[in-house]
C-alpha cells in the first residue's frame, strides 16, 4: 500500500520521536561530519533519525542544505551517488550534490558514506488530486528519460535488474509454496487456514504470469536496453518526489536506483495506489499511464509487458511476507482483502493483454 510518506522533504513514513540525548548525539555527529565541507553552520535540525538513513537539515550562511547518511552497502551507495550527480549536472530536477573540501561527492565516516545535497523547498503531491497525480507521473517519465546515458565511473559496480524479472517471479512463487508448510503448523490460526485454502490458485497465476512474460517481448526489450539503459528509482512516490516552490517536479532520495525497464517504476507506483481503495479505479489507472506517456510514450508491446508484470500478485505476496517473515499479527480480514484485490486486478488487466 502506497503511503504518503512525507509532509516534508525527508520525513519518515513512521514517526520516531528522539529522546533529547539521542537528538544531541545526532547533532554532534553532524557537526563532526560537516567539518569535511567548506560551510558555515548556523543551525542543525535532525529531520530523520529513527532509521539508519539519517537526515539533517543544515542552516548555513548561504541557505539550507541537506546532510544524509546513506544506509546502503558502499558499492551500491557509490552507484546511486554518482547517478544523482550525473543527473544534477545535466540539469535534471534532482538535488545537486555538494562536494566536500577535497572535491569528493561524499565523506566516509566509519562504515557509512555521508553526502551533502541542495535542500529543495516544496510540497509532496496529493494523489487524490488529478493534477498532482499527473504531475508525479510526468516527473517519473522525465527522470527515466534524463537518466539514459548514465554509466558509473570506473571501479564502481553496475547495479541492474535488467533480465531478472523471471527469477523474481520464480523466487516469490517458491516462497509462497514454502509458507504453506509454515501455515500447516498453525491449525488454530484463521489467517493460516485461509491461506492454505486459497493460495494455490494465486501461486498458479504467478506461474502463468511468468510464462506470459517469457512469451512477450520482455527479453527483446531487455537486450535492447542493455546498450543504453535508463535508471529506475525503485521507490518512487509521494515520499520521494516534490512539487518545488519553483513549480517544477523534483525527484529526491535516489538511494535505491538501478538499471531496469522503466515500467517497473510504473507498476510500483500504480498498483499499490489502486490497492488503497479496494476497487479498480480505471479512470485513475488511465490518468496515470496517459500522464507518463505524454512525456515518454510506450509501444503497445511495452505496455503489454507492463500489464503482465502488474498481474503478478506482488501486493498479496507482501501481505503474506508481513505475516510469516516479519511476524506481524495480521487479521484474517487483511488476507481476504488482499485476495479480493488480486481478483479485481486480474479481471481488469487480463483484457488489456494482447
Foldseek 3Di string as FASTA:
>chain_A
DDDLQDQFQAAGNDDDDDDPVQQVVVVVVVVVQCVQAPWAFDDKAWRDDPDPFTKIWTQTPVGIKMKTKFPDQPLLQLLLLQLQCLLVVVPQFEWHWDATPVRHQWDDDPRITMTMTGGFAFGFFDLVDLVSLLQLLQSLLSQQVSSWPDDGPPPRDAFACQPVVLVVLVVLLVVLVVVLVVLVVCPPALQSVVSNVPVPVLSVLSVVLSVVLVVACRNVVSVVQVVTFTKEQQRRDRNQWGCTPVRHIHGYDSSNIHTYPSLVNVLVYPLVVCLVVLARDVVSVVSSLVSNCVNPNDDLSRVLSSLSVNLRLPVLSVVSCCCPVVVDPDHNVVNVSSVSSSVNSCVVRVVSHD
